[in-house]
Amino acid sequence: DGMPAIKRGGRGHPRRRPVKLHGDKGYDNPRVRRYLRRRGISARIARIGRDSSARLGRHRWVVERTLGWLLSYKRLALRYDRSAVTITALARLAVTLICARRLPAN
């Protein structure tokens, strides 16, 4: 609910929720599936005992790589500062530094 609107090109109102959720077997329970269905979000969650999580790997890798980049900053990983304002400021600083490092040198 706290997610800002996603601005896309074209007509209509900007989206306020994602279209699809990719999750591993840890999210396979009826309560999560009901919540997503109520919100109009389609779920791609591996089922315990039936589906393999291997196909979800290509989508999860992007998220886990990004979290790895953020947690390389020890202040964020250990969370010495517990206030939301401080953590948000540190996360924004970390994202800025990560983006600046990925820019071409010239």
N, C-alpha and C. Protein backbone atom coordinates (compact mmCIF):
# COMPACT_ATOMS: atom_id res chain seq x y z
N ASP A 1 0.81 -1.20 0.00
CA ASP A 1 0.00 0.00 0.00
C ASP A 1 0.86 1.26 0.00
N GLY A 2 2.04 1.18 0.57
CA GLY A 2 2.91 2.34 0.63
C GLY A 2 3.75 2.54 -0.62
N MET A 3 3.57 1.69 -1.61
CA MET A 3 4.36 1.77 -2.83
C MET A 3 3.91 2.96 -3.67
N PRO A 4 4.85 3.78 -4.15
CA PRO A 4 4.45 4.90 -4.99
C PRO A 4 3.92 4.41 -6.34
N ALA A 5 3.18 5.26 -7.01
CA ALA A 5 2.60 4.90 -8.30
C ALA A 5 3.69 4.63 -9.33
N ILE A 6 3.47 3.63 -10.17
CA ILE A 6 4.41 3.26 -11.22
C ILE A 6 3.98 3.98 -12.49
N LYS A 7 4.78 4.93 -12.94
CA LYS A 7 4.42 5.71 -14.12
C LYS A 7 4.89 4.99 -15.36
N ARG A 8 3.96 4.69 -16.21
CA ARG A 8 4.26 4.04 -17.49
C ARG A 8 3.79 4.96 -18.59
N GLY A 9 4.37 4.81 -19.75
CA GLY A 9 3.91 5.58 -20.89
C GLY A 9 2.51 5.15 -21.28
N GLY A 10 1.74 6.04 -21.75
CA GLY A 10 0.40 5.68 -22.19
C GLY A 10 -0.68 6.32 -21.35
N ARG A 11 -1.89 5.84 -21.60
CA ARG A 11 -3.06 6.43 -20.97
C ARG A 11 -3.44 5.69 -19.70
N GLY A 12 -4.28 6.33 -18.94
CA GLY A 12 -4.84 5.70 -17.76
C GLY A 12 -4.09 6.07 -16.50
N HIS A 13 -4.60 5.56 -15.39
CA HIS A 13 -4.00 5.84 -14.09
C HIS A 13 -2.71 5.03 -13.92
N PRO A 14 -1.72 5.60 -13.25
CA PRO A 14 -0.51 4.83 -12.97
C PRO A 14 -0.82 3.67 -12.02
N ARG A 15 -0.11 2.55 -12.19
CA ARG A 15 -0.32 1.37 -11.34
C ARG A 15 0.17 1.62 -9.93
N ARG A 16 -0.54 1.11 -8.94
CA ARG A 16 -0.16 1.26 -7.55
C ARG A 16 0.25 -0.09 -6.94
N ARG A 17 0.23 -1.14 -7.74
CA ARG A 17 0.67 -2.44 -7.24
C ARG A 17 1.28 -3.24 -8.38
N PRO A 18 2.14 -4.20 -8.08
CA PRO A 18 2.76 -5.00 -9.15
C PRO A 18 1.74 -5.90 -9.83
N VAL A 19 2.08 -6.36 -11.03
CA VAL A 19 1.21 -7.24 -11.80
C VAL A 19 1.38 -8.68 -11.32
N LYS A 20 2.62 -9.07 -11.04
CA LYS A 20 2.92 -10.46 -10.72
C LYS A 20 3.92 -10.53 -9.58
N LEU A 21 3.82 -11.59 -8.77
CA LEU A 21 4.75 -11.83 -7.68
C LEU A 21 5.43 -13.17 -7.90
N HIS A 22 6.75 -13.19 -7.87
CA HIS A 22 7.51 -14.43 -7.96
C HIS A 22 8.00 -14.76 -6.56
N GLY A 23 7.71 -15.98 -6.09
CA GLY A 23 8.13 -16.36 -4.75
C GLY A 23 8.57 -17.81 -4.68
N ASP A 24 9.39 -18.13 -3.69
CA ASP A 24 9.81 -19.51 -3.53
C ASP A 24 8.84 -20.25 -2.62
N LYS A 25 9.19 -21.47 -2.25
CA LYS A 25 8.28 -22.32 -1.49
C LYS A 25 7.96 -21.78 -0.10
N GLY A 26 8.76 -20.87 0.39
CA GLY A 26 8.50 -20.27 1.70
C GLY A 26 7.22 -19.45 1.73
N TYR A 27 6.74 -19.01 0.57
CA TYR A 27 5.53 -18.20 0.49
C TYR A 27 4.31 -19.03 0.08
N ASP A 28 4.46 -20.35 0.04
CA ASP A 28 3.36 -21.20 -0.38
C ASP A 28 2.45 -21.52 0.80
N ASN A 29 1.50 -20.63 1.05
CA ASN A 29 0.46 -20.93 2.02
C ASN A 29 -0.81 -20.23 1.58
N PRO A 30 -1.95 -20.75 1.99
CA PRO A 30 -3.23 -20.21 1.51
C PRO A 30 -3.44 -18.73 1.86
N ARG A 31 -2.95 -18.30 3.01
CA ARG A 31 -3.16 -16.90 3.41
C ARG A 31 -2.50 -15.94 2.43
N VAL A 32 -1.27 -16.25 2.02
CA VAL A 32 -0.55 -15.40 1.07
C VAL A 32 -1.27 -15.40 -0.28
N ARG A 33 -1.68 -16.57 -0.73
CA ARG A 33 -2.36 -16.67 -2.02
C ARG A 33 -3.69 -15.92 -2.01
N ARG A 34 -4.46 -16.00 -0.91
CA ARG A 34 -5.72 -15.25 -0.80
C ARG A 34 -5.47 -13.75 -0.83
N TYR A 35 -4.44 -13.31 -0.09
CA TYR A 35 -4.11 -11.89 -0.05
C TYR A 35 -3.78 -11.37 -1.45
N LEU A 36 -2.96 -12.10 -2.18
CA LEU A 36 -2.58 -11.67 -3.53
C LEU A 36 -3.78 -11.67 -4.47
N ARG A 37 -4.62 -12.69 -4.36
CA ARG A 37 -5.81 -12.75 -5.22
C ARG A 37 -6.74 -11.57 -4.94
N ARG A 38 -6.91 -11.22 -3.65
CA ARG A 38 -7.74 -10.09 -3.28
C ARG A 38 -7.20 -8.78 -3.83
N ARG A 39 -5.88 -8.66 -3.90
CA ARG A 39 -5.25 -7.44 -4.41
C ARG A 39 -5.15 -7.41 -5.93
N GLY A 40 -5.49 -8.51 -6.61
CA GLY A 40 -5.42 -8.55 -8.07
C GLY A 40 -4.01 -8.78 -8.60
N ILE A 41 -3.17 -9.42 -7.79
CA ILE A 41 -1.79 -9.71 -8.18
C ILE A 41 -1.69 -11.19 -8.49
N SER A 42 -1.20 -11.53 -9.68
CA SER A 42 -1.05 -12.95 -10.00
C SER A 42 0.22 -13.46 -9.34
N ALA A 43 0.14 -14.70 -8.84
CA ALA A 43 1.25 -15.28 -8.08
C ALA A 43 1.93 -16.37 -8.88
N ARG A 44 3.23 -16.36 -8.86
CA ARG A 44 4.05 -17.45 -9.41
C ARG A 44 4.88 -17.96 -8.24
N ILE A 45 4.26 -18.83 -7.44
CA ILE A 45 4.90 -19.35 -6.23
C ILE A 45 5.05 -20.86 -6.39
N ALA A 46 6.25 -21.36 -6.18
CA ALA A 46 6.49 -22.80 -6.25
C ALA A 46 5.73 -23.48 -5.12
N ARG A 47 5.06 -24.60 -5.43
CA ARG A 47 4.28 -25.30 -4.42
C ARG A 47 5.14 -26.34 -3.71
N ILE A 48 4.98 -26.43 -2.42
CA ILE A 48 5.76 -27.36 -1.60
C ILE A 48 5.40 -28.79 -2.01
N GLY A 49 6.43 -29.59 -2.30
CA GLY A 49 6.22 -30.99 -2.65
C GLY A 49 5.87 -31.25 -4.10
N ARG A 50 5.62 -30.21 -4.90
CA ARG A 50 5.22 -30.42 -6.30
C ARG A 50 6.16 -29.73 -7.29
N ASP A 51 6.33 -28.43 -7.12
CA ASP A 51 7.09 -27.66 -8.11
C ASP A 51 8.55 -27.51 -7.70
N SER A 52 9.36 -27.30 -8.71
CA SER A 52 10.78 -27.03 -8.49
C SER A 52 10.99 -25.52 -8.42
N SER A 53 11.87 -25.07 -7.55
CA SER A 53 12.18 -23.65 -7.45
C SER A 53 13.19 -23.22 -8.51
N ALA A 54 13.69 -24.15 -9.31
CA ALA A 54 14.74 -23.82 -10.28
C ALA A 54 14.28 -22.79 -11.30
N ARG A 55 13.03 -22.87 -11.73
CA ARG A 55 12.56 -21.92 -12.74
C ARG A 55 12.41 -20.51 -12.19
N LEU A 56 12.21 -20.39 -10.88
CA LEU A 56 12.10 -19.07 -10.28
C LEU A 56 13.46 -18.41 -10.13
N GLY A 57 14.52 -19.16 -10.25
CA GLY A 57 15.86 -18.65 -10.00
C GLY A 57 16.24 -17.45 -10.85
N ARG A 58 15.85 -17.44 -12.10
CA ARG A 58 16.25 -16.35 -12.98
C ARG A 58 15.60 -15.03 -12.56
N HIS A 59 14.43 -15.07 -11.94
CA HIS A 59 13.78 -13.85 -11.47
C HIS A 59 14.32 -13.45 -10.10
N ARG A 60 14.55 -14.43 -9.24
CA ARG A 60 15.04 -14.14 -7.90
C ARG A 60 16.47 -13.64 -7.92
N TRP A 61 17.27 -14.03 -8.91
CA TRP A 61 18.67 -13.64 -8.95
C TRP A 61 18.81 -12.13 -8.98
N VAL A 62 17.96 -11.44 -9.70
CA VAL A 62 18.02 -9.99 -9.81
C VAL A 62 17.83 -9.36 -8.43
N VAL A 63 16.88 -9.84 -7.68
CA VAL A 63 16.59 -9.30 -6.35
C VAL A 63 17.74 -9.61 -5.39
N GLU A 64 18.20 -10.85 -5.40
CA GLU A 64 19.25 -11.24 -4.47
C GLU A 64 20.57 -10.55 -4.79
N ARG A 65 20.85 -10.31 -6.06
CA ARG A 65 22.06 -9.58 -6.44
C ARG A 65 21.99 -8.16 -5.91
N THR A 66 20.83 -7.52 -6.07
CA THR A 66 20.67 -6.14 -5.62
C THR A 66 20.78 -6.05 -4.10
N LEU A 67 20.17 -7.00 -3.39
CA LEU A 67 20.30 -7.01 -1.93
C LEU A 67 21.75 -7.24 -1.51
N GLY A 68 22.47 -8.06 -2.26
CA GLY A 68 23.89 -8.27 -1.98
C GLY A 68 24.69 -6.98 -2.12
N TRP A 69 24.38 -6.20 -3.16
CA TRP A 69 25.06 -4.92 -3.34
C TRP A 69 24.78 -4.00 -2.15
N LEU A 70 23.51 -3.93 -1.73
CA LEU A 70 23.15 -3.05 -0.61
C LEU A 70 23.78 -3.50 0.70
N LEU A 71 23.79 -4.81 0.94
CA LEU A 71 24.32 -5.31 2.20
C LEU A 71 25.83 -5.32 2.25
N SER A 72 26.49 -4.97 1.14
CA SER A 72 27.94 -4.83 1.19
C SER A 72 28.34 -3.59 2.00
N TYR A 73 27.37 -2.71 2.24
CA TYR A 73 27.59 -1.57 3.12
C TYR A 73 27.23 -2.01 4.53
N LYS A 74 28.24 -2.17 5.38
CA LYS A 74 28.07 -2.78 6.69
C LYS A 74 27.07 -2.05 7.57
N ARG A 75 26.97 -0.74 7.41
CA ARG A 75 26.04 0.03 8.23
C ARG A 75 24.60 -0.41 7.98
N LEU A 76 24.29 -0.79 6.74
CA LEU A 76 22.95 -1.28 6.42
C LEU A 76 22.77 -2.74 6.84
N ALA A 77 23.83 -3.53 6.69
CA ALA A 77 23.73 -4.96 7.00
C ALA A 77 23.53 -5.19 8.50
N LEU A 78 24.23 -4.43 9.33
CA LEU A 78 24.17 -4.64 10.77
C LEU A 78 23.09 -3.82 11.45
N ARG A 79 22.65 -2.75 10.82
CA ARG A 79 21.60 -1.86 11.31
C ARG A 79 21.86 -1.39 12.74
N TYR A 80 22.95 -0.65 12.90
CA TYR A 80 23.22 -0.03 14.19
C TYR A 80 22.14 0.99 14.52
N ASP A 81 21.71 1.72 13.51
CA ASP A 81 20.70 2.76 13.70
C ASP A 81 19.34 2.15 13.38
N ARG A 82 18.44 2.19 14.34
CA ARG A 82 17.15 1.51 14.18
C ARG A 82 16.05 2.39 13.62
N SER A 83 16.23 3.69 13.55
CA SER A 83 15.13 4.53 13.08
C SER A 83 14.96 4.40 11.57
N ALA A 84 13.71 4.46 11.14
CA ALA A 84 13.39 4.29 9.72
C ALA A 84 13.99 5.41 8.87
N VAL A 85 14.04 6.62 9.42
CA VAL A 85 14.59 7.75 8.68
C VAL A 85 16.08 7.52 8.39
N THR A 86 16.81 7.04 9.38
CA THR A 86 18.25 6.82 9.21
C THR A 86 18.51 5.68 8.23
N ILE A 87 17.76 4.59 8.36
CA ILE A 87 17.95 3.45 7.46
C ILE A 87 17.61 3.83 6.02
N THR A 88 16.53 4.61 5.84
CA THR A 88 16.15 5.06 4.50
C THR A 88 17.22 5.95 3.90
N ALA A 89 17.78 6.85 4.71
CA ALA A 89 18.84 7.74 4.22
C ALA A 89 20.08 6.94 3.83
N LEU A 90 20.45 5.95 4.65
CA LEU A 90 21.61 5.12 4.34
C LEU A 90 21.37 4.28 3.08
N ALA A 91 20.15 3.77 2.92
CA ALA A 91 19.83 2.98 1.73
C ALA A 91 19.91 3.85 0.48
N ARG A 92 19.41 5.08 0.55
CA ARG A 92 19.49 5.98 -0.61
C ARG A 92 20.93 6.33 -0.94
N LEU A 93 21.73 6.55 0.08
CA LEU A 93 23.15 6.83 -0.14
C LEU A 93 23.84 5.64 -0.79
N ALA A 94 23.53 4.43 -0.30
CA ALA A 94 24.14 3.22 -0.88
C ALA A 94 23.73 3.04 -2.33
N VAL A 95 22.46 3.27 -2.66
CA VAL A 95 21.99 3.14 -4.05
C VAL A 95 22.68 4.17 -4.93
N THR A 96 22.85 5.39 -4.42
CA THR A 96 23.55 6.43 -5.19
C THR A 96 24.99 6.03 -5.47
N LEU A 97 25.67 5.50 -4.46
CA LEU A 97 27.07 5.06 -4.65
C LEU A 97 27.16 3.88 -5.62
N ILE A 98 26.22 2.94 -5.53
CA ILE A 98 26.23 1.79 -6.44
C ILE A 98 26.03 2.25 -7.87
N CYS A 99 25.08 3.16 -8.09
CA CYS A 99 24.83 3.68 -9.45
C CYS A 99 26.03 4.48 -9.96
N ALA A 100 26.65 5.27 -9.10
CA ALA A 100 27.80 6.08 -9.52
C ALA A 100 28.97 5.18 -9.93
N ARG A 101 29.15 4.07 -9.25
CA ARG A 101 30.24 3.15 -9.60
C ARG A 101 29.99 2.43 -10.91
N ARG A 102 28.74 2.25 -11.27
CA ARG A 102 28.41 1.53 -12.50
C ARG A 102 28.42 2.41 -13.74
N LEU A 103 28.53 3.73 -13.54
CA LEU A 103 28.61 4.63 -14.69
C LEU A 103 29.94 4.49 -15.39
N PRO A 104 29.99 4.74 -16.68
CA PRO A 104 31.27 4.67 -17.40
C PRO A 104 32.24 5.73 -16.86
N ALA A 105 33.51 5.43 -16.96
CA ALA A 105 34.55 6.32 -16.38
C ALA A 105 34.70 7.62 -17.17
N ASN A 106 34.36 7.67 -18.44
CA ASN A 106 34.60 8.88 -19.23
C ASN A 106 33.55 9.88 -19.08
